[in-house]
């Protein structure tokens, strides 16, 4: 475990450790954030007239 674990709680450390053990989770998280951002951006822009 890296030195960043010293300043974090055990739950936070386990959360980041799960990303190292399962890299597909990082891909799913990135796709989810991009999808949510796209829908929010699409809702805020006015429709073309």
C-alpha atoms as a PDB file:
ATOM      1  CA  UNK A   1       0.000   0.000   0.000  1.00  0.00           C
ATOM      2  CA  UNK A   2       1.216   3.464  -0.857  1.00  0.00           C
ATOM      3  CA  UNK A   3       1.930   6.361   1.486  1.00  0.00           C
ATOM      4  CA  UNK A   4      -1.410   8.012   0.587  1.00  0.00           C
ATOM      5  CA  UNK A   5      -3.124   5.410   2.773  1.00  0.00           C
ATOM      6  CA  UNK A   6      -1.776   7.131   5.905  1.00  0.00           C
ATOM      7  CA  UNK A   7      -4.056  10.161   5.628  1.00  0.00           C
ATOM      8  CA  UNK A   8      -7.172   8.275   4.504  1.00  0.00           C
ATOM      9  CA  UNK A   9      -9.665   6.140   6.349  1.00  0.00           C
ATOM     10  CA  UNK A  10      -9.708   2.382   5.890  1.00  0.00           C
ATOM     11  CA  UNK A  11     -12.924   2.581   3.880  1.00  0.00           C
ATOM     12  CA  UNK A  12     -11.415   5.097   1.472  1.00  0.00           C
ATOM     13  CA  UNK A  13      -8.331   2.915   1.123  1.00  0.00           C
ATOM     14  CA  UNK A  14     -10.464  -0.135   0.370  1.00  0.00           C
ATOM     15  CA  UNK A  15     -12.402   1.890  -2.222  1.00  0.00           C
ATOM     16  CA  UNK A  16      -9.224   2.820  -4.113  1.00  0.00           C
ATOM     17  CA  UNK A  17      -7.836  -0.681  -3.665  1.00  0.00           C
ATOM     18  CA  UNK A  18     -10.900  -2.096  -5.435  1.00  0.00           C
ATOM     19  CA  UNK A  19     -10.000  -0.007  -8.498  1.00  0.00           C
ATOM     20  CA  UNK A  20      -6.510  -1.526  -8.543  1.00  0.00           C
ATOM     21  CA  UNK A  21      -7.913  -5.046  -8.252  1.00  0.00           C
ATOM     22  CA  UNK A  22     -10.656  -4.499 -10.858  1.00  0.00           C
ATOM     23  CA  UNK A  23      -9.594  -1.931 -13.499  1.00  0.00           C
ATOM     24  CA  UNK A  24     -12.938  -2.357 -15.310  1.00  0.00           C
ATOM     25  CA  UNK A  25     -14.534  -0.392 -12.444  1.00  0.00           C
ATOM     26  CA  UNK A  26     -12.512   2.677 -13.418  1.00  0.00           C
ATOM     27  CA  UNK A  27     -13.734   2.333 -17.005  1.00  0.00           C
ATOM     28  CA  UNK A  28     -17.349   1.995 -15.851  1.00  0.00           C
ATOM     29  CA  UNK A  29     -16.968   5.008 -13.555  1.00  0.00           C
ATOM     30  CA  UNK A  30     -15.515   7.119 -16.378  1.00  0.00           C
ATOM     31  CA  UNK A  31     -18.314   6.096 -18.755  1.00  0.00           C
ATOM     32  CA  UNK A  32     -20.930   6.858 -16.094  1.00  0.00           C
ATOM     33  CA  UNK A  33     -19.508  10.313 -15.371  1.00  0.00           C
ATOM     34  CA  UNK A  34     -19.250  11.102 -19.098  1.00  0.00           C
ATOM     35  CA  UNK A  35     -22.832   9.916 -19.674  1.00  0.00           C
ATOM     36  CA  UNK A  36     -24.181  11.939 -16.761  1.00  0.00           C
ATOM     37  CA  UNK A  37     -22.288  15.013 -17.940  1.00  0.00           C
ATOM     38  CA  UNK A  38     -23.640  14.584 -21.463  1.00  0.00           C
ATOM     39  CA  UNK A  39     -27.250  14.390 -20.281  1.00  0.00           C
ATOM     40  CA  UNK A  40     -26.845  17.408 -17.986  1.00  0.00           C
ATOM     41  CA  UNK A  41     -25.185  19.406 -20.799  1.00  0.00           C
ATOM     42  CA  UNK A  42     -27.897  18.352 -23.247  1.00  0.00           C
ATOM     43  CA  UNK A  43     -30.659  19.433 -20.865  1.00  0.00           C
ATOM     44  CA  UNK A  44     -29.126  22.886 -20.280  1.00  0.00           C
ATOM     45  CA  UNK A  45     -28.533  23.799 -23.928  1.00  0.00           C
ATOM     46  CA  UNK A  46     -31.538  25.204 -25.766  1.00  0.00           C
ATOM     47  CA  UNK A  47     -32.839  23.163 -28.725  1.00  0.00           C
ATOM     48  CA  UNK A  48     -31.843  24.444 -32.165  1.00  0.00           C
ATOM     49  CA  UNK A  49     -34.491  26.695 -33.690  1.00  0.00           C
END
